[in-house]
PDB file of N, CA and C in Angstrom:
ATOM      1  N   MET A   1      -7.656 -40.530 -16.815  1.00  0.00           N
ATOM      2  CA  MET A   1      -7.227 -39.800 -18.238  1.00  0.00           C
ATOM      3  C   MET A   1      -5.655 -40.206 -18.431  1.00  0.00           C
ATOM      4  N   THR A   2      -5.371 -40.570 -19.470  1.00  0.00           N
ATOM      5  CA  THR A   2      -3.908 -40.809 -19.755  1.00  0.00           C
ATOM      6  C   THR A   2      -3.272 -39.632 -19.921  1.00  0.00           C
ATOM      7  N   ARG A   3      -1.927 -39.466 -19.857  1.00  0.00           N
ATOM      8  CA  ARG A   3      -1.158 -38.357 -20.220  1.00  0.00           C
ATOM      9  C   ARG A   3      -1.202 -38.028 -21.628  1.00  0.00           C
ATOM     10  N   GLU A   4      -1.467 -38.833 -22.602  1.00  0.00           N
ATOM     11  CA  GLU A   4      -1.548 -38.606 -23.971  1.00  0.00           C
ATOM     12  C   GLU A   4      -3.061 -37.927 -24.275  1.00  0.00           C
ATOM     13  N   GLU A   5      -4.026 -38.625 -23.507  1.00  0.00           N
ATOM     14  CA  GLU A   5      -5.193 -37.948 -23.614  1.00  0.00           C
ATOM     15  C   GLU A   5      -5.408 -36.707 -23.318  1.00  0.00           C
ATOM     16  N   LEU A   6      -4.750 -36.244 -22.080  1.00  0.00           N
ATOM     17  CA  LEU A   6      -4.721 -35.083 -21.536  1.00  0.00           C
ATOM     18  C   LEU A   6      -4.004 -33.994 -22.338  1.00  0.00           C
ATOM     19  N   LEU A   7      -3.073 -34.454 -23.032  1.00  0.00           N
ATOM     20  CA  LEU A   7      -2.077 -33.691 -24.024  1.00  0.00           C
ATOM     21  C   LEU A   7      -2.916 -33.220 -25.138  1.00  0.00           C
ATOM     22  N   LYS A   8      -3.783 -34.234 -25.611  1.00  0.00           N
ATOM     23  CA  LYS A   8      -4.654 -34.024 -26.704  1.00  0.00           C
ATOM     24  C   LYS A   8      -5.852 -33.068 -26.537  1.00  0.00           C
ATOM     25  N   ARG A   9      -6.405 -33.347 -25.356  1.00  0.00           N
ATOM     26  CA  ARG A   9      -7.502 -32.188 -24.895  1.00  0.00           C
ATOM     27  C   ARG A   9      -6.911 -30.909 -24.755  1.00  0.00           C
ATOM     28  N   THR A  10      -5.945 -30.856 -23.976  1.00  0.00           N
ATOM     29  CA  THR A  10      -5.302 -29.478 -23.875  1.00  0.00           C
ATOM     30  C   THR A  10      -4.870 -28.876 -25.138  1.00  0.00           C
ATOM     31  N   HIS A  11      -4.392 -29.603 -26.211  1.00  0.00           N
ATOM     32  CA  HIS A  11      -4.057 -29.022 -27.330  1.00  0.00           C
ATOM     33  C   HIS A  11      -5.356 -28.592 -28.061  1.00  0.00           C
ATOM     34  N   GLU A  12      -6.458 -29.231 -27.970  1.00  0.00           N
ATOM     35  CA  GLU A  12      -7.650 -28.918 -28.562  1.00  0.00           C
ATOM     36  C   GLU A  12      -8.289 -27.496 -27.914  1.00  0.00           C
ATOM     37  N   PHE A  13      -8.089 -27.351 -26.611  1.00  0.00           N
ATOM     38  CA  PHE A  13      -8.393 -26.288 -25.944  1.00  0.00           C
ATOM     39  C   PHE A  13      -7.659 -24.984 -26.459  1.00  0.00           C
ATOM     40  N   LEU A  14      -6.291 -25.239 -26.367  1.00  0.00           N
ATOM     41  CA  LEU A  14      -5.245 -23.975 -27.044  1.00  0.00           C
ATOM     42  C   LEU A  14      -5.527 -23.716 -28.302  1.00  0.00           C
ATOM     43  N   GLN A  15      -6.219 -24.677 -29.177  1.00  0.00           N
ATOM     44  CA  GLN A  15      -6.508 -24.265 -30.570  1.00  0.00           C
ATOM     45  C   GLN A  15      -7.563 -23.256 -30.537  1.00  0.00           C
ATOM     46  N   ARG A  16      -8.431 -23.091 -29.635  1.00  0.00           N
ATOM     47  CA  ARG A  16      -9.470 -22.156 -29.651  1.00  0.00           C
ATOM     48  C   ARG A  16      -9.363 -21.003 -28.684  1.00  0.00           C
ATOM     49  N   LEU A  17      -8.082 -20.775 -28.219  1.00  0.00           N
ATOM     50  CA  LEU A  17      -7.792 -19.512 -27.512  1.00  0.00           C
ATOM     51  C   LEU A  17      -7.413 -18.471 -28.498  1.00  0.00           C
ATOM     52  N   SER A  18      -7.460 -17.200 -28.026  1.00  0.00           N
ATOM     53  CA  SER A  18      -6.922 -16.016 -28.732  1.00  0.00           C
ATOM     54  C   SER A  18      -5.402 -16.138 -28.354  1.00  0.00           C
ATOM     55  N   ASP A  19      -4.732 -15.368 -29.272  1.00  0.00           N
ATOM     56  CA  ASP A  19      -3.396 -15.243 -29.282  1.00  0.00           C
ATOM     57  C   ASP A  19      -2.824 -14.735 -27.958  1.00  0.00           C
ATOM     58  N   GLU A  20      -3.742 -13.656 -27.294  1.00  0.00           N
ATOM     59  CA  GLU A  20      -3.433 -13.095 -26.103  1.00  0.00           C
ATOM     60  C   GLU A  20      -3.597 -14.130 -24.938  1.00  0.00           C
ATOM     61  N   LYS A  21      -4.602 -14.826 -24.955  1.00  0.00           N
ATOM     62  CA  LYS A  21      -4.710 -16.037 -23.854  1.00  0.00           C
ATOM     63  C   LYS A  21      -3.654 -16.951 -23.893  1.00  0.00           C
ATOM     64  N   LEU A  22      -3.294 -17.509 -25.323  1.00  0.00           N
ATOM     65  CA  LEU A  22      -2.320 -18.315 -25.623  1.00  0.00           C
ATOM     66  C   LEU A  22      -1.017 -17.949 -24.909  1.00  0.00           C
ATOM     67  N   VAL A  23      -0.631 -16.602 -24.893  1.00  0.00           N
ATOM     68  CA  VAL A  23       0.657 -16.190 -24.409  1.00  0.00           C
ATOM     69  C   VAL A  23       0.572 -16.454 -23.047  1.00  0.00           C
ATOM     70  N   GLU A  24      -0.684 -16.136 -22.324  1.00  0.00           N
ATOM     71  CA  GLU A  24      -0.888 -16.303 -20.853  1.00  0.00           C
ATOM     72  C   GLU A  24      -0.613 -17.663 -20.420  1.00  0.00           C
ATOM     73  N   VAL A  25      -1.284 -18.677 -21.127  1.00  0.00           N
ATOM     74  CA  VAL A  25      -1.135 -20.123 -20.865  1.00  0.00           C
ATOM     75  C   VAL A  25       0.512 -20.544 -20.979  1.00  0.00           C
ATOM     76  N   HIS A  26       0.985 -19.967 -22.144  1.00  0.00           N
ATOM     77  CA  HIS A  26       2.541 -20.277 -22.258  1.00  0.00           C
ATOM     78  C   HIS A  26       3.185 -19.793 -21.132  1.00  0.00           C
ATOM     79  N   ASP A  27       3.148 -18.538 -20.625  1.00  0.00           N
ATOM     80  CA  ASP A  27       3.778 -17.647 -19.462  1.00  0.00           C
ATOM     81  C   ASP A  27       3.510 -18.798 -18.200  1.00  0.00           C
ATOM     82  N   PHE A  28       2.435 -19.129 -18.101  1.00  0.00           N
ATOM     83  CA  PHE A  28       2.101 -19.982 -16.778  1.00  0.00           C
ATOM     84  C   PHE A  28       2.801 -21.464 -16.849  1.00  0.00           C
ATOM     85  N   ALA A  29       2.737 -21.989 -17.998  1.00  0.00           N
ATOM     86  CA  ALA A  29       3.224 -23.253 -18.131  1.00  0.00           C
ATOM     87  C   ALA A  29       4.853 -23.025 -17.977  1.00  0.00           C
ATOM     88  N   GLU A  30       5.521 -21.924 -18.442  1.00  0.00           N
ATOM     89  CA  GLU A  30       6.712 -21.597 -18.219  1.00  0.00           C
ATOM     90  C   GLU A  30       7.166 -21.253 -16.751  1.00  0.00           C
ATOM     91  N   TYR A  31       6.466 -20.701 -16.027  1.00  0.00           N
ATOM     92  CA  TYR A  31       6.477 -20.575 -14.648  1.00  0.00           C
ATOM     93  C   TYR A  31       6.362 -21.773 -13.926  1.00  0.00           C
ATOM     94  N   LEU A  32       5.447 -22.549 -14.166  1.00  0.00           N
ATOM     95  CA  LEU A  32       5.369 -23.879 -13.399  1.00  0.00           C
ATOM     96  C   LEU A  32       6.579 -24.831 -13.604  1.00  0.00           C
ATOM     97  N   THR A  33       7.125 -24.778 -14.878  1.00  0.00           N
ATOM     98  CA  THR A  33       8.392 -25.709 -15.279  1.00  0.00           C
ATOM     99  C   THR A  33       9.490 -25.059 -14.384  1.00  0.00           C
ATOM    100  N   SER A  34       9.604 -23.772 -14.548  1.00  0.00           N
ATOM    101  CA  SER A  34      10.754 -23.120 -13.691  1.00  0.00           C
ATOM    102  C   SER A  34      10.823 -23.390 -12.142  1.00  0.00           C
ATOM    103  N   ARG A  35       9.538 -23.177 -11.748  1.00  0.00           N
ATOM    104  CA  ARG A  35       9.403 -23.405 -10.425  1.00  0.00           C
ATOM    105  C   ARG A  35       9.815 -24.777  -9.823  1.00  0.00           C
ATOM    106  N   ARG A  36       9.357 -26.010 -10.670  1.00  0.00           N
ATOM    107  CA  ARG A  36       9.763 -27.215 -10.470  1.00  0.00           C
ATOM    108  C   ARG A  36      11.280 -27.584 -10.669  1.00  0.00           C
ATOM    109  N   GLU A  37      11.909 -26.892 -11.636  1.00  0.00           N
ATOM    110  CA  GLU A  37      13.216 -27.018 -11.753  1.00  0.00           C
ATOM    111  C   GLU A  37      14.168 -26.470 -10.556  1.00  0.00           C
ATOM    112  N   GLN A  38      13.355 -25.288 -10.158  1.00  0.00           N
ATOM    113  CA  GLN A  38      14.218 -24.639  -8.882  1.00  0.00           C
ATOM    114  C   GLN A  38      14.023 -25.461  -7.788  1.00  0.00           C
ATOM    115  N   TYR A  39      13.021 -26.260  -7.463  1.00  0.00           N
ATOM    116  CA  TYR A  39      12.849 -27.020  -6.416  1.00  0.00           C
ATOM    117  C   TYR A  39      13.689 -28.236  -6.556  1.00  0.00           C
ATOM    118  N   THR A  40      13.819 -28.842  -7.564  1.00  0.00           N
ATOM    119  CA  THR A  40      14.646 -29.916  -8.063  1.00  0.00           C
ATOM    120  C   THR A  40      16.112 -29.592  -7.508  1.00  0.00           C
ATOM    121  N   LEU A  41      16.608 -28.416  -7.936  1.00  0.00           N
ATOM    122  CA  LEU A  41      17.939 -27.943  -7.814  1.00  0.00           C
ATOM    123  C   LEU A  41      18.312 -27.648  -6.285  1.00  0.00           C
ATOM    124  N   ARG A  42      17.229 -27.066  -5.808  1.00  0.00           N
ATOM    125  CA  ARG A  42      17.401 -26.683  -4.071  1.00  0.00           C
ATOM    126  C   ARG A  42      17.465 -28.024  -3.440  1.00  0.00           C
ATOM    127  N   GLU A  43      16.477 -29.085  -3.697  1.00  0.00           N
ATOM    128  CA  GLU A  43      16.641 -30.340  -3.067  1.00  0.00           C
ATOM    129  C   GLU A  43      17.991 -31.069  -3.275  1.00  0.00           C
ATOM    130  N   GLY A  44      18.393 -30.921  -4.654  1.00  0.00           N
ATOM    131  CA  GLY A  44      19.660 -31.639  -4.821  1.00  0.00           C
ATOM    132  C   GLY A  44      20.796 -31.012  -4.027  1.00  0.00           C
ATOM    133  N   MET A  45      20.742 -29.524  -3.885  1.00  0.00           N
ATOM    134  CA  MET A  45      22.023 -28.933  -3.254  1.00  0.00           C
ATOM    135  C   MET A  45      21.883 -29.460  -1.752  1.00  0.00           C
ATOM    136  N   THR A  46      20.730 -29.399  -1.315  1.00  0.00           N
ATOM    137  CA  THR A  46      20.553 -29.779   0.122  1.00  0.00           C
ATOM    138  C   THR A  46      21.223 -31.297   0.521  1.00  0.00           C
ATOM    139  N   ILE A  47      20.810 -32.072  -0.364  1.00  0.00           N
ATOM    140  CA  ILE A  47      21.271 -33.300  -0.256  1.00  0.00           C
ATOM    141  C   ILE A  47      22.785 -33.562  -0.547  1.00  0.00           C
ATOM    142  N   LEU A  48      23.403 -32.996  -1.378  1.00  0.00           N
ATOM    143  CA  LEU A  48      24.827 -32.799  -1.628  1.00  0.00           C
ATOM    144  C   LEU A  48      25.511 -32.190  -0.364  1.00  0.00           C
ATOM    145  N   SER A  49      24.776 -31.284   0.219  1.00  0.00           N
ATOM    146  CA  SER A  49      25.492 -30.466   1.282  1.00  0.00           C
ATOM    147  C   SER A  49      25.363 -31.304   2.622  1.00  0.00           C
ATOM    148  N   ALA A  50      24.184 -31.872   2.674  1.00  0.00           N
ATOM    149  CA  ALA A  50      24.147 -32.901   3.789  1.00  0.00           C
ATOM    150  C   ALA A  50      25.274 -34.093   3.788  1.00  0.00           C
ATOM    151  N   LYS A  51      25.468 -34.714   2.689  1.00  0.00           N
ATOM    152  CA  LYS A  51      26.329 -35.594   2.344  1.00  0.00           C
ATOM    153  C   LYS A  51      27.755 -35.329   2.594  1.00  0.00           C
ATOM    154  N   SER A  52      27.959 -34.003   2.249  1.00  0.00           N
ATOM    155  CA  SER A  52      29.429 -33.679   2.217  1.00  0.00           C
ATOM    156  C   SER A  52      30.072 -33.361   3.595  1.00  0.00           C
ATOM    157  N   GLY A  53      29.203 -33.312   4.413  1.00  0.00           N
ATOM    158  CA  GLY A  53      29.800 -33.042   5.942  1.00  0.00           C
ATOM    159  C   GLY A  53      30.442 -31.849   6.040  1.00  0.00           C
ATOM    160  N   SER A  54      30.269 -30.872   5.212  1.00  0.00           N
ATOM    161  CA  SER A  54      30.977 -29.505   5.290  1.00  0.00           C
ATOM    162  C   SER A  54      30.510 -28.895   6.622  1.00  0.00           C
ATOM    163  N   LEU A  55      29.437 -28.997   7.136  1.00  0.00           N
ATOM    164  CA  LEU A  55      28.938 -28.246   8.407  1.00  0.00           C
ATOM    165  C   LEU A  55      28.871 -29.147   9.523  1.00  0.00           C
ATOM    166  N   SER A  56      29.463 -30.204   9.514  1.00  0.00           N
ATOM    167  CA  SER A  56      29.468 -31.105  10.496  1.00  0.00           C
ATOM    168  C   SER A  56      30.130 -30.557  11.879  1.00  0.00           C
ATOM    169  N   PHE A  57      31.154 -29.661  11.688  1.00  0.00           N
ATOM    170  CA  PHE A  57      31.985 -29.065  12.759  1.00  0.00           C
ATOM    171  C   PHE A  57      30.918 -28.387  13.737  1.00  0.00           C
ATOM    172  N   LEU A  58      29.819 -27.981  13.167  1.00  0.00           N
ATOM    173  CA  LEU A  58      28.812 -27.441  14.145  1.00  0.00           C
ATOM    174  C   LEU A  58      28.055 -28.295  15.226  1.00  0.00           C
ATOM    175  N   ASN A  59      28.224 -29.667  14.753  1.00  0.00           N
ATOM    176  CA  ASN A  59      27.687 -30.684  15.677  1.00  0.00           C
ATOM    177  C   ASN A  59      28.650 -30.793  16.960  1.00  0.00           C
ATOM    178  N   ASP A  60      29.858 -30.432  16.877  1.00  0.00           N
ATOM    179  CA  ASP A  60      30.907 -30.537  17.764  1.00  0.00           C
ATOM    180  C   ASP A  60      30.991 -29.420  18.941  1.00  0.00           C
ATOM    181  N   GLU A  61      30.204 -28.390  18.552  1.00  0.00           N
ATOM    182  CA  GLU A  61      30.424 -27.230  19.192  1.00  0.00           C
ATOM    183  C   GLU A  61      29.840 -27.310  20.562  1.00  0.00           C
ATOM    184  N   ARG A  62      30.579 -26.784  21.723  1.00  0.00           N
ATOM    185  CA  ARG A  62      30.195 -27.153  23.053  1.00  0.00           C
ATOM    186  C   ARG A  62      29.296 -25.943  23.511  1.00  0.00           C
ATOM    187  N   GLU A  63      28.358 -26.187  24.272  1.00  0.00           N
ATOM    188  CA  GLU A  63      27.415 -25.087  24.595  1.00  0.00           C
ATOM    189  C   GLU A  63      28.040 -24.110  25.589  1.00  0.00           C
ATOM    190  N   ASP A  64      29.110 -24.345  26.282  1.00  0.00           N
ATOM    191  CA  ASP A  64      29.821 -23.699  27.246  1.00  0.00           C
ATOM    192  C   ASP A  64      30.950 -22.898  26.851  1.00  0.00           C
ATOM    193  N   ILE A  65      31.107 -22.619  25.530  1.00  0.00           N
ATOM    194  CA  ILE A  65      32.466 -21.850  24.825  1.00  0.00           C
ATOM    195  C   ILE A  65      32.228 -20.545  25.389  1.00  0.00           C
ATOM    196  N   TYR A  66      31.110 -19.941  25.475  1.00  0.00           N
ATOM    197  CA  TYR A  66      31.112 -18.292  25.740  1.00  0.00           C
ATOM    198  C   TYR A  66      30.600 -18.398  27.149  1.00  0.00           C
ATOM    199  N   THR A  67      31.111 -17.196  27.832  1.00  0.00           N
ATOM    200  CA  THR A  67      30.488 -16.945  29.208  1.00  0.00           C
ATOM    201  C   THR A  67      29.971 -15.649  29.271  1.00  0.00           C
ATOM    202  N   VAL A  68      29.500 -15.172  30.407  1.00  0.00           N
ATOM    203  CA  VAL A  68      28.823 -13.822  30.531  1.00  0.00           C
ATOM    204  C   VAL A  68      30.124 -12.845  30.607  1.00  0.00           C
ATOM    205  N   SER A  69      31.225 -13.350  31.039  1.00  0.00           N
ATOM    206  CA  SER A  69      32.264 -12.269  31.201  1.00  0.00           C
ATOM    207  C   SER A  69      33.000 -12.056  29.917  1.00  0.00           C
ATOM    208  N   ASP A  70      32.666 -12.835  28.796  1.00  0.00           N
ATOM    209  CA  ASP A  70      33.228 -12.753  27.411  1.00  0.00           C
ATOM    210  C   ASP A  70      33.046 -11.392  26.877  1.00  0.00           C
ATOM    211  N   GLY A  71      33.965 -10.614  26.377  1.00  0.00           N
ATOM    212  CA  GLY A  71      33.900  -9.383  25.854  1.00  0.00           C
ATOM    213  C   GLY A  71      33.958  -8.220  26.883  1.00  0.00           C
ATOM    214  N   VAL A  72      34.085  -8.613  28.261  1.00  0.00           N
ATOM    215  CA  VAL A  72      33.888  -7.530  29.113  1.00  0.00           C
ATOM    216  C   VAL A  72      35.487  -7.069  29.502  1.00  0.00           C
ATOM    217  N   THR A  73      35.785  -5.843  29.413  1.00  0.00           N
ATOM    218  CA  THR A  73      37.066  -5.516  29.582  1.00  0.00           C
ATOM    219  C   THR A  73      37.184  -5.134  31.133  1.00  0.00           C
ATOM    220  N   PRO A  74      38.432  -5.899  31.527  1.00  0.00           N
ATOM    221  CA  PRO A  74      38.703  -5.480  33.102  1.00  0.00           C
ATOM    222  C   PRO A  74      38.870  -4.026  33.443  1.00  0.00           C
ATOM    223  N   LYS A  75      38.573  -3.503  34.705  1.00  0.00           N
ATOM    224  CA  LYS A  75      38.592  -1.940  34.946  1.00  0.00           C
ATOM    225  C   LYS A  75      40.019  -1.830  35.581  1.00  0.00           C
TER     226      LYS A  75
END
């Protein structure tokens, strides 16, 4: 089924719904659209952050920076 056919059939179903059910369908469609937009935004931010290198300093951190005696006050 093509997109146009699907839209036409969906429109026909929507025409038969009560106002209350039509509001529910609208709210659900709005939710799906919002969720997709949030996903797209989150993915874009992840890609930009990775390309910027702003956290690259974390790759240079040595494992032996801290020792057991760090923070221990001598007596």
